[in-house]
Amino acid sequence: AAAQYGSAYPMGARMMSGHTDLHEKLQNELASFVNKEAAYLLNFGYQGMVSTIDALVSKDDIIVYDVDAHACIIDGVRLHMGKRFTYKHNDVESLEKNLER
């Protein structure tokens, strides 16, 4: 693979640095291994969180999240078209107040 694609490829998101037949092969093998129709791999955890939030919520859902959540969660939530609320970091009372809204 390094001889064909270079040792520094890909170094970023596939949207920016490209998608290869090796990506496709690995995804197909993973899907087969876990007995699923398909799989999609992301090379950064950041992308994974943003994509997962986008995939799991609709505009009708409400997201309540810790104000000190990791940037990938905050960015994923910011893309959300529905209502969203933060609660004070690790503060159960603040969380409860937001859930009562």
PDB file of N, CA and C in Angstrom:
ATOM      1  N   ALA A   1       0.830  -1.189   0.000  1.00  0.00           N
ATOM      2  CA  ALA A   1       0.000   0.000   0.000  1.00  0.00           C
ATOM      3  C   ALA A   1       0.872   1.248   0.000  1.00  0.00           C
ATOM      4  N   ALA A   2       1.948   1.249   0.794  1.00  0.00           N
ATOM      5  CA  ALA A   2       2.816   2.424   0.851  1.00  0.00           C
ATOM      6  C   ALA A   2       3.483   2.680  -0.493  1.00  0.00           C
ATOM      7  N   ALA A   3       3.855   1.600  -1.201  1.00  0.00           N
ATOM      8  CA  ALA A   3       4.478   1.773  -2.512  1.00  0.00           C
ATOM      9  C   ALA A   3       3.497   2.371  -3.519  1.00  0.00           C
ATOM     10  N   GLN A   4       2.246   1.987  -3.426  1.00  0.00           N
ATOM     11  CA  GLN A   4       1.237   2.469  -4.375  1.00  0.00           C
ATOM     12  C   GLN A   4       0.713   3.857  -4.020  1.00  0.00           C
ATOM     13  N   TYR A   5       0.482   4.108  -2.724  1.00  0.00           N
ATOM     14  CA  TYR A   5      -0.175   5.352  -2.314  1.00  0.00           C
ATOM     15  C   TYR A   5       0.748   6.341  -1.612  1.00  0.00           C
ATOM     16  N   GLY A   6       1.933   5.888  -1.198  1.00  0.00           N
ATOM     17  CA  GLY A   6       2.838   6.756  -0.452  1.00  0.00           C
ATOM     18  C   GLY A   6       2.663   6.530   1.041  1.00  0.00           C
ATOM     19  N   SER A   7       3.703   6.814   1.805  1.00  0.00           N
ATOM     20  CA  SER A   7       3.652   6.532   3.243  1.00  0.00           C
ATOM     21  C   SER A   7       2.891   7.593   4.034  1.00  0.00           C
ATOM     22  N   ALA A   8       2.593   8.712   3.431  1.00  0.00           N
ATOM     23  CA  ALA A   8       1.887   9.776   4.152  1.00  0.00           C
ATOM     24  C   ALA A   8       0.427   9.885   3.732  1.00  0.00           C
ATOM     25  N   TYR A   9      -0.087   8.908   3.006  1.00  0.00           N
ATOM     26  CA  TYR A   9      -1.452   8.997   2.488  1.00  0.00           C
ATOM     27  C   TYR A   9      -2.356   8.035   3.217  1.00  0.00           C
ATOM     28  N   PRO A  10      -3.537   8.327   3.570  1.00  0.00           N
ATOM     29  CA  PRO A  10      -4.085   9.682   3.656  1.00  0.00           C
ATOM     30  C   PRO A  10      -3.786  10.262   5.028  1.00  0.00           C
ATOM     31  N   MET A  11      -3.598  11.534   5.082  1.00  0.00           N
ATOM     32  CA  MET A  11      -3.281  12.198   6.349  1.00  0.00           C
ATOM     33  C   MET A  11      -4.414  13.097   6.823  1.00  0.00           C
ATOM     34  N   GLY A  12      -5.567  12.953   6.265  1.00  0.00           N
ATOM     35  CA  GLY A  12      -6.688  13.787   6.679  1.00  0.00           C
ATOM     36  C   GLY A  12      -7.991  13.106   6.346  1.00  0.00           C
ATOM     37  N   ALA A  13      -9.039  13.867   6.464  1.00  0.00           N
ATOM     38  CA  ALA A  13     -10.368  13.352   6.145  1.00  0.00           C
ATOM     39  C   ALA A  13     -10.413  12.939   4.678  1.00  0.00           C
ATOM     40  N   ARG A  14     -11.111  11.861   4.385  1.00  0.00           N
ATOM     41  CA  ARG A  14     -11.186  11.382   3.003  1.00  0.00           C
ATOM     42  C   ARG A  14     -11.772  12.415   2.062  1.00  0.00           C
ATOM     43  N   MET A  15     -12.665  13.246   2.582  1.00  0.00           N
ATOM     44  CA  MET A  15     -13.237  14.288   1.748  1.00  0.00           C
ATOM     45  C   MET A  15     -12.138  15.222   1.231  1.00  0.00           C
ATOM     46  N   MET A  16     -11.089  15.390   2.022  1.00  0.00           N
ATOM     47  CA  MET A  16      -9.998  16.289   1.654  1.00  0.00           C
ATOM     48  C   MET A  16      -8.849  15.559   0.962  1.00  0.00           C
ATOM     49  N   SER A  17      -8.521  14.369   1.437  1.00  0.00           N
ATOM     50  CA  SER A  17      -7.324  13.702   0.928  1.00  0.00           C
ATOM     51  C   SER A  17      -7.597  12.495   0.048  1.00  0.00           C
ATOM     52  N   GLY A  18      -8.849  12.120  -0.108  1.00  0.00           N
ATOM     53  CA  GLY A  18      -9.177  11.066  -1.048  1.00  0.00           C
ATOM     54  C   GLY A  18      -9.612   9.750  -0.435  1.00  0.00           C
ATOM     55  N   HIS A  19     -10.253   8.969  -1.246  1.00  0.00           N
ATOM     56  CA  HIS A  19     -10.806   7.666  -0.886  1.00  0.00           C
ATOM     57  C   HIS A  19     -10.181   6.644  -1.823  1.00  0.00           C
ATOM     58  N   THR A  20      -9.692   5.544  -1.285  1.00  0.00           N
ATOM     59  CA  THR A  20      -9.032   4.541  -2.118  1.00  0.00           C
ATOM     60  C   THR A  20      -9.774   3.214  -2.093  1.00  0.00           C
ATOM     61  N   ASP A  21      -9.335   2.322  -2.963  1.00  0.00           N
ATOM     62  CA  ASP A  21      -9.890   0.972  -2.977  1.00  0.00           C
ATOM     63  C   ASP A  21      -9.576   0.240  -1.669  1.00  0.00           C
ATOM     64  N   LEU A  22      -8.498   0.633  -0.995  1.00  0.00           N
ATOM     65  CA  LEU A  22      -8.163   0.016   0.291  1.00  0.00           C
ATOM     66  C   LEU A  22      -9.186   0.391   1.365  1.00  0.00           C
ATOM     67  N   HIS A  23      -9.672   1.614   1.337  1.00  0.00           N
ATOM     68  CA  HIS A  23     -10.739   2.010   2.260  1.00  0.00           C
ATOM     69  C   HIS A  23     -11.957   1.114   2.039  1.00  0.00           C
ATOM     70  N   GLU A  24     -12.318   0.961   0.785  1.00  0.00           N
ATOM     71  CA  GLU A  24     -13.488   0.159   0.409  1.00  0.00           C
ATOM     72  C   GLU A  24     -13.318  -1.291   0.865  1.00  0.00           C
ATOM     73  N   LYS A  25     -12.138  -1.848   0.618  1.00  0.00           N
ATOM     74  CA  LYS A  25     -11.871  -3.241   0.988  1.00  0.00           C
ATOM     75  C   LYS A  25     -11.955  -3.432   2.505  1.00  0.00           C
ATOM     76  N   LEU A  26     -11.341  -2.536   3.254  1.00  0.00           N
ATOM     77  CA  LEU A  26     -11.368  -2.642   4.712  1.00  0.00           C
ATOM     78  C   LEU A  26     -12.793  -2.532   5.244  1.00  0.00           C
ATOM     79  N   GLN A  27     -13.565  -1.597   4.727  1.00  0.00           N
ATOM     80  CA  GLN A  27     -14.954  -1.435   5.161  1.00  0.00           C
ATOM     81  C   GLN A  27     -15.775  -2.677   4.847  1.00  0.00           C
ATOM     82  N   ASN A  28     -15.587  -3.247   3.669  1.00  0.00           N
ATOM     83  CA  ASN A  28     -16.318  -4.459   3.295  1.00  0.00           C
ATOM     84  C   ASN A  28     -15.939  -5.633   4.190  1.00  0.00           C
ATOM     85  N   GLU A  29     -14.653  -5.759   4.483  1.00  0.00           N
ATOM     86  CA  GLU A  29     -14.205  -6.844   5.357  1.00  0.00           C
ATOM     87  C   GLU A  29     -14.739  -6.665   6.778  1.00  0.00           C
ATOM     88  N   LEU A  30     -14.759  -5.440   7.258  1.00  0.00           N
ATOM     89  CA  LEU A  30     -15.298  -5.178   8.593  1.00  0.00           C
ATOM     90  C   LEU A  30     -16.790  -5.494   8.641  1.00  0.00           C
ATOM     91  N   ALA A  31     -17.535  -5.060   7.644  1.00  0.00           N
ATOM     92  CA  ALA A  31     -18.972  -5.340   7.602  1.00  0.00           C
ATOM     93  C   ALA A  31     -19.221  -6.843   7.616  1.00  0.00           C
ATOM     94  N   SER A  32     -18.456  -7.566   6.830  1.00  0.00           N
ATOM     95  CA  SER A  32     -18.591  -9.015   6.788  1.00  0.00           C
ATOM     96  C   SER A  32     -18.252  -9.632   8.146  1.00  0.00           C
ATOM     97  N   PHE A  33     -17.205  -9.146   8.776  1.00  0.00           N
ATOM     98  CA  PHE A  33     -16.761  -9.667  10.067  1.00  0.00           C
ATOM     99  C   PHE A  33     -17.828  -9.503  11.145  1.00  0.00           C
ATOM    100  N   VAL A  34     -18.549  -8.385  11.124  1.00  0.00           N
ATOM    101  CA  VAL A  34     -19.575  -8.136  12.146  1.00  0.00           C
ATOM    102  C   VAL A  34     -20.982  -8.474  11.644  1.00  0.00           C
ATOM    103  N   ASN A  35     -21.040  -9.174  10.515  1.00  0.00           N
ATOM    104  CA  ASN A  35     -22.310  -9.619   9.928  1.00  0.00           C
ATOM    105  C   ASN A  35     -23.292  -8.479   9.680  1.00  0.00           C
ATOM    106  N   LYS A  36     -22.786  -7.410   9.072  1.00  0.00           N
ATOM    107  CA  LYS A  36     -23.620  -6.266   8.719  1.00  0.00           C
ATOM    108  C   LYS A  36     -23.545  -6.033   7.219  1.00  0.00           C
ATOM    109  N   GLU A  37     -24.539  -5.322   6.715  1.00  0.00           N
ATOM    110  CA  GLU A  37     -24.605  -5.036   5.284  1.00  0.00           C
ATOM    111  C   GLU A  37     -23.472  -4.113   4.837  1.00  0.00           C
ATOM    112  N   ALA A  38     -23.123  -3.161   5.697  1.00  0.00           N
ATOM    113  CA  ALA A  38     -22.098  -2.187   5.326  1.00  0.00           C
ATOM    114  C   ALA A  38     -21.421  -1.644   6.577  1.00  0.00           C
ATOM    115  N   ALA A  39     -20.267  -1.042   6.363  1.00  0.00           N
ATOM    116  CA  ALA A  39     -19.539  -0.359   7.433  1.00  0.00           C
ATOM    117  C   ALA A  39     -18.879   0.869   6.830  1.00  0.00           C
ATOM    118  N   TYR A  40     -18.682   1.868   7.650  1.00  0.00           N
ATOM    119  CA  TYR A  40     -17.983   3.070   7.192  1.00  0.00           C
ATOM    120  C   TYR A  40     -17.006   3.475   8.280  1.00  0.00           C
ATOM    121  N   LEU A  41     -15.751   3.572   7.927  1.00  0.00           N
ATOM    122  CA  LEU A  41     -14.710   3.916   8.888  1.00  0.00           C
ATOM    123  C   LEU A  41     -14.279   5.367   8.718  1.00  0.00           C
ATOM    124  N   LEU A  42     -14.057   6.016   9.831  1.00  0.00           N
ATOM    125  CA  LEU A  42     -13.553   7.382   9.834  1.00  0.00           C
ATOM    126  C   LEU A  42     -12.180   7.361  10.474  1.00  0.00           C
ATOM    127  N   ASN A  43     -11.235   8.102   9.901  1.00  0.00           N
ATOM    128  CA  ASN A  43      -9.877   8.022  10.423  1.00  0.00           C
ATOM    129  C   ASN A  43      -9.599   8.989  11.566  1.00  0.00           C
ATOM    130  N   PHE A  44     -10.593   9.723  12.005  1.00  0.00           N
ATOM    131  CA  PHE A  44     -10.441  10.605  13.157  1.00  0.00           C
ATOM    132  C   PHE A  44     -11.632  10.437  14.079  1.00  0.00           C
ATOM    133  N   GLY A  45     -11.387  10.367  15.393  1.00  0.00           N
ATOM    134  CA  GLY A  45     -12.469  10.273  16.358  1.00  0.00           C
ATOM    135  C   GLY A  45     -13.379  11.483  16.306  1.00  0.00           C
ATOM    136  N   TYR A  46     -12.796  12.633  16.011  1.00  0.00           N
ATOM    137  CA  TYR A  46     -13.559  13.875  15.915  1.00  0.00           C
ATOM    138  C   TYR A  46     -14.677  13.732  14.883  1.00  0.00           C
ATOM    139  N   GLN A  47     -14.312  13.267  13.694  1.00  0.00           N
ATOM    140  CA  GLN A  47     -15.312  13.060  12.637  1.00  0.00           C
ATOM    141  C   GLN A  47     -16.352  12.044  13.064  1.00  0.00           C
ATOM    142  N   GLY A  48     -15.903  11.031  13.761  1.00  0.00           N
ATOM    143  CA  GLY A  48     -16.822   9.989  14.200  1.00  0.00           C
ATOM    144  C   GLY A  48     -17.899  10.526  15.120  1.00  0.00           C
ATOM    145  N   MET A  49     -17.520  11.366  16.075  1.00  0.00           N
ATOM    146  CA  MET A  49     -18.509  11.931  17.000  1.00  0.00           C
ATOM    147  C   MET A  49     -19.470  12.866  16.289  1.00  0.00           C
ATOM    148  N   VAL A  50     -18.927  13.769  15.468  1.00  0.00           N
ATOM    149  CA  VAL A  50     -19.788  14.709  14.747  1.00  0.00           C
ATOM    150  C   VAL A  50     -20.771  13.937  13.869  1.00  0.00           C
ATOM    151  N   SER A  51     -20.277  12.927  13.165  1.00  0.00           N
ATOM    152  CA  SER A  51     -21.136  12.129  12.278  1.00  0.00           C
ATOM    153  C   SER A  51     -22.167  11.323  13.049  1.00  0.00           C
ATOM    154  N   THR A  52     -21.765  10.770  14.185  1.00  0.00           N
ATOM    155  CA  THR A  52     -22.687   9.967  14.986  1.00  0.00           C
ATOM    156  C   THR A  52     -23.830  10.817  15.519  1.00  0.00           C
ATOM    157  N   ILE A  53     -23.509  11.991  16.020  1.00  0.00           N
ATOM    158  CA  ILE A  53     -24.569  12.880  16.511  1.00  0.00           C
ATOM    159  C   ILE A  53     -25.529  13.207  15.379  1.00  0.00           C
ATOM    160  N   ASP A  54     -24.981  13.544  14.228  1.00  0.00           N
ATOM    161  CA  ASP A  54     -25.820  13.866  13.073  1.00  0.00           C
ATOM    162  C   ASP A  54     -26.698  12.683  12.666  1.00  0.00           C
ATOM    163  N   ALA A  55     -26.153  11.485  12.753  1.00  0.00           N
ATOM    164  CA  ALA A  55     -26.904  10.296  12.336  1.00  0.00           C
ATOM    165  C   ALA A  55     -27.989   9.897  13.334  1.00  0.00           C
ATOM    166  N   LEU A  56     -27.787  10.192  14.609  1.00  0.00           N
ATOM    167  CA  LEU A  56     -28.704   9.710  15.637  1.00  0.00           C
ATOM    168  C   LEU A  56     -29.850  10.648  15.986  1.00  0.00           C
ATOM    169  N   VAL A  57     -29.711  11.920  15.687  1.00  0.00           N
ATOM    170  CA  VAL A  57     -30.752  12.866  16.098  1.00  0.00           C
ATOM    171  C   VAL A  57     -31.434  13.508  14.898  1.00  0.00           C
ATOM    172  N   SER A  58     -32.696  13.860  15.109  1.00  0.00           N
ATOM    173  CA  SER A  58     -33.439  14.579  14.071  1.00  0.00           C
ATOM    174  C   SER A  58     -33.747  15.978  14.584  1.00  0.00           C
ATOM    175  N   LYS A  59     -34.313  16.806  13.728  1.00  0.00           N
ATOM    176  CA  LYS A  59     -34.623  18.182  14.131  1.00  0.00           C
ATOM    177  C   LYS A  59     -35.681  18.231  15.230  1.00  0.00           C
ATOM    178  N   ASP A  60     -36.399  17.147  15.419  1.00  0.00           N
ATOM    179  CA  ASP A  60     -37.423  17.085  16.462  1.00  0.00           C
ATOM    180  C   ASP A  60     -36.866  16.671  17.824  1.00  0.00           C
ATOM    181  N   ASP A  61     -35.613  16.234  17.860  1.00  0.00           N
ATOM    182  CA  ASP A  61     -34.987  15.808  19.110  1.00  0.00           C
ATOM    183  C   ASP A  61     -34.404  17.002  19.859  1.00  0.00           C
ATOM    184  N   ILE A  62     -34.279  16.856  21.151  1.00  0.00           N
ATOM    185  CA  ILE A  62     -33.660  17.865  22.002  1.00  0.00           C
ATOM    186  C   ILE A  62     -32.376  17.265  22.569  1.00  0.00           C
ATOM    187  N   ILE A  63     -31.297  18.014  22.478  1.00  0.00           N
ATOM    188  CA  ILE A  63     -30.014  17.557  23.006  1.00  0.00           C
ATOM    189  C   ILE A  63     -29.671  18.380  24.245  1.00  0.00           C
ATOM    190  N   VAL A  64     -29.358  17.690  25.332  1.00  0.00           N
ATOM    191  CA  VAL A  64     -28.901  18.326  26.564  1.00  0.00           C
ATOM    192  C   VAL A  64     -27.496  17.785  26.815  1.00  0.00           C
ATOM    193  N   TYR A  65     -26.519  18.691  26.918  1.00  0.00           N
ATOM    194  CA  TYR A  65     -25.136  18.237  27.036  1.00  0.00           C
ATOM    195  C   TYR A  65     -24.336  19.107  27.998  1.00  0.00           C
ATOM    196  N   ASP A  66     -23.286  18.523  28.543  1.00  0.00           N
ATOM    197  CA  ASP A  66     -22.386  19.182  29.491  1.00  0.00           C
ATOM    198  C   ASP A  66     -21.693  20.362  28.804  1.00  0.00           C
ATOM    199  N   VAL A  67     -21.680  21.510  29.457  1.00  0.00           N
ATOM    200  CA  VAL A  67     -21.078  22.712  28.888  1.00  0.00           C
ATOM    201  C   VAL A  67     -19.583  22.517  28.595  1.00  0.00           C
ATOM    202  N   ASP A  68     -18.932  21.604  29.306  1.00  0.00           N
ATOM    203  CA  ASP A  68     -17.513  21.345  29.088  1.00  0.00           C
ATOM    204  C   ASP A  68     -17.261  20.093  28.241  1.00  0.00           C
ATOM    205  N   ALA A  69     -18.227  19.705  27.447  1.00  0.00           N
ATOM    206  CA  ALA A  69     -18.053  18.543  26.567  1.00  0.00           C
ATOM    207  C   ALA A  69     -16.915  18.809  25.581  1.00  0.00           C
ATOM    208  N   HIS A  70     -16.343  17.741  25.057  1.00  0.00           N
ATOM    209  CA  HIS A  70     -15.264  17.857  24.082  1.00  0.00           C
ATOM    210  C   HIS A  70     -15.749  18.619  22.851  1.00  0.00           C
ATOM    211  N   ALA A  71     -14.828  19.299  22.190  1.00  0.00           N
ATOM    212  CA  ALA A  71     -15.152  20.113  21.014  1.00  0.00           C
ATOM    213  C   ALA A  71     -15.881  19.326  19.929  1.00  0.00           C
ATOM    214  N   CYS A  72     -15.570  18.041  19.763  1.00  0.00           N
ATOM    215  CA  CYS A  72     -16.240  17.253  18.727  1.00  0.00           C
ATOM    216  C   CYS A  72     -17.722  17.089  19.041  1.00  0.00           C
ATOM    217  N   ILE A  73     -18.058  16.986  20.310  1.00  0.00           N
ATOM    218  CA  ILE A  73     -19.467  16.882  20.703  1.00  0.00           C
ATOM    219  C   ILE A  73     -20.153  18.227  20.502  1.00  0.00           C
ATOM    220  N   ILE A  74     -19.495  19.290  20.925  1.00  0.00           N
ATOM    221  CA  ILE A  74     -20.071  20.627  20.762  1.00  0.00           C
ATOM    222  C   ILE A  74     -20.309  20.934  19.289  1.00  0.00           C
ATOM    223  N   ASP A  75     -19.346  20.626  18.427  1.00  0.00           N
ATOM    224  CA  ASP A  75     -19.530  20.877  16.993  1.00  0.00           C
ATOM    225  C   ASP A  75     -20.638  20.015  16.412  1.00  0.00           C
ATOM    226  N   GLY A  76     -20.725  18.763  16.846  1.00  0.00           N
ATOM    227  CA  GLY A  76     -21.811  17.902  16.379  1.00  0.00           C
ATOM    228  C   GLY A  76     -23.164  18.441  16.790  1.00  0.00           C
ATOM    229  N   VAL A  77     -23.245  18.933  18.014  1.00  0.00           N
ATOM    230  CA  VAL A  77     -24.500  19.497  18.518  1.00  0.00           C
ATOM    231  C   VAL A  77     -24.835  20.797  17.791  1.00  0.00           C
ATOM    232  N   ARG A  78     -23.838  21.599  17.483  1.00  0.00           N
ATOM    233  CA  ARG A  78     -24.076  22.865  16.772  1.00  0.00           C
ATOM    234  C   ARG A  78     -24.672  22.639  15.385  1.00  0.00           C
ATOM    235  N   LEU A  79     -24.383  21.514  14.791  1.00  0.00           N
ATOM    236  CA  LEU A  79     -24.963  21.193  13.481  1.00  0.00           C
ATOM    237  C   LEU A  79     -26.423  20.774  13.594  1.00  0.00           C
ATOM    238  N   HIS A  80     -26.830  20.429  14.796  1.00  0.00           N
ATOM    239  CA  HIS A  80     -28.196  19.974  15.063  1.00  0.00           C
ATOM    240  C   HIS A  80     -29.174  21.120  14.853  1.00  0.00           C
ATOM    241  N   MET A  81     -30.229  20.871  14.099  1.00  0.00           N
ATOM    242  CA  MET A  81     -31.202  21.910  13.767  1.00  0.00           C
ATOM    243  C   MET A  81     -32.295  22.061  14.824  1.00  0.00           C
ATOM    244  N   GLY A  82     -32.321  21.178  15.798  1.00  0.00           N
ATOM    245  CA  GLY A  82     -33.351  21.236  16.833  1.00  0.00           C
ATOM    246  C   GLY A  82     -32.896  22.004  18.057  1.00  0.00           C
ATOM    247  N   LYS A  83     -33.649  21.848  19.115  1.00  0.00           N
ATOM    248  CA  LYS A  83     -33.327  22.538  20.364  1.00  0.00           C
ATOM    249  C   LYS A  83     -32.154  21.857  21.055  1.00  0.00           C
ATOM    250  N   ARG A  84     -31.377  22.685  21.748  1.00  0.00           N
ATOM    251  CA  ARG A  84     -30.236  22.161  22.498  1.00  0.00           C
ATOM    252  C   ARG A  84     -30.006  23.030  23.722  1.00  0.00           C
ATOM    253  N   PHE A  85     -29.612  22.382  24.795  1.00  0.00           N
ATOM    254  CA  PHE A  85     -29.368  23.071  26.056  1.00  0.00           C
ATOM    255  C   PHE A  85     -28.106  22.518  26.689  1.00  0.00           C
ATOM    256  N   THR A  86     -27.389  23.379  27.385  1.00  0.00           N
ATOM    257  CA  THR A  86     -26.230  22.917  28.150  1.00  0.00           C
ATOM    258  C   THR A  86     -26.573  22.937  29.632  1.00  0.00           C
ATOM    259  N   TYR A  87     -25.850  22.135  30.372  1.00  0.00           N
ATOM    260  CA  TYR A  87     -25.936  22.181  31.828  1.00  0.00           C
ATOM    261  C   TYR A  87     -24.528  22.368  32.376  1.00  0.00           C
ATOM    262  N   LYS A  88     -24.435  22.892  33.591  1.00  0.00           N
ATOM    263  CA  LYS A  88     -23.137  23.137  34.213  1.00  0.00           C
ATOM    264  C   LYS A  88     -22.371  21.822  34.336  1.00  0.00           C
ATOM    265  N   HIS A  89     -21.066  21.917  34.170  1.00  0.00           N
ATOM    266  CA  HIS A  89     -20.203  20.739  34.176  1.00  0.00           C
ATOM    267  C   HIS A  89     -20.394  19.879  35.423  1.00  0.00           C
ATOM    268  N   ASN A  90     -20.729  18.615  35.180  1.00  0.00           N
ATOM    269  CA  ASN A  90     -20.899  17.611  36.246  1.00  0.00           C
ATOM    270  C   ASN A  90     -21.894  18.029  37.324  1.00  0.00           C
ATOM    271  N   ASP A  91     -22.847  18.860  36.968  1.00  0.00           N
ATOM    272  CA  ASP A  91     -23.814  19.380  37.934  1.00  0.00           C
ATOM    273  C   ASP A  91     -25.173  18.727  37.694  1.00  0.00           C
ATOM    274  N   VAL A  92     -25.514  17.758  38.532  1.00  0.00           N
ATOM    275  CA  VAL A  92     -26.756  17.002  38.362  1.00  0.00           C
ATOM    276  C   VAL A  92     -27.979  17.901  38.505  1.00  0.00           C
ATOM    277  N   GLU A  93     -27.931  18.855  39.424  1.00  0.00           N
ATOM    278  CA  GLU A  93     -29.073  19.764  39.595  1.00  0.00           C
ATOM    279  C   GLU A  93     -29.302  20.596  38.338  1.00  0.00           C
ATOM    280  N   SER A  94     -28.225  21.086  37.748  1.00  0.00           N
ATOM    281  CA  SER A  94     -28.336  21.855  36.505  1.00  0.00           C
ATOM    282  C   SER A  94     -28.898  20.977  35.388  1.00  0.00           C
ATOM    283  N   LEU A  95     -28.444  19.735  35.330  1.00  0.00           N
ATOM    284  CA  LEU A  95     -28.964  18.792  34.338  1.00  0.00           C
ATOM    285  C   LEU A  95     -30.457  18.574  34.542  1.00  0.00           C
ATOM    286  N   GLU A  96     -30.865  18.337  35.780  1.00  0.00           N
ATOM    287  CA  GLU A  96     -32.287  18.105  36.069  1.00  0.00           C
ATOM    288  C   GLU A  96     -33.147  19.296  35.663  1.00  0.00           C
ATOM    289  N   LYS A  97     -32.675  20.509  35.927  1.00  0.00           N
ATOM    290  CA  LYS A  97     -33.425  21.709  35.533  1.00  0.00           C
ATOM    291  C   LYS A  97     -33.607  21.769  34.022  1.00  0.00           C
ATOM    292  N   ASN A  98     -32.564  21.410  33.285  1.00  0.00           N
ATOM    293  CA  ASN A  98     -32.659  21.421  31.824  1.00  0.00           C
ATOM    294  C   ASN A  98     -33.576  20.323  31.311  1.00  0.00           C
ATOM    295  N   LEU A  99     -33.573  19.184  31.973  1.00  0.00           N
ATOM    296  CA  LEU A  99     -34.448  18.090  31.546  1.00  0.00           C
ATOM    297  C   LEU A  99     -35.915  18.413  31.813  1.00  0.00           C
ATOM    298  N   GLU A 100     -36.172  19.243  32.818  1.00  0.00           N
ATOM    299  CA  GLU A 100     -37.548  19.632  33.132  1.00  0.00           C
ATOM    300  C   GLU A 100     -38.107  20.644  32.141  1.00  0.00           C
ATOM    301  N   ARG A 101     -37.252  21.320  31.409  1.00  0.00           N
ATOM    302  CA  ARG A 101     -37.701  22.307  30.426  1.00  0.00           C
ATOM    303  C   ARG A 101     -38.633  21.627  29.488  1.00  0.00           C
TER     304      ARG A 101
END
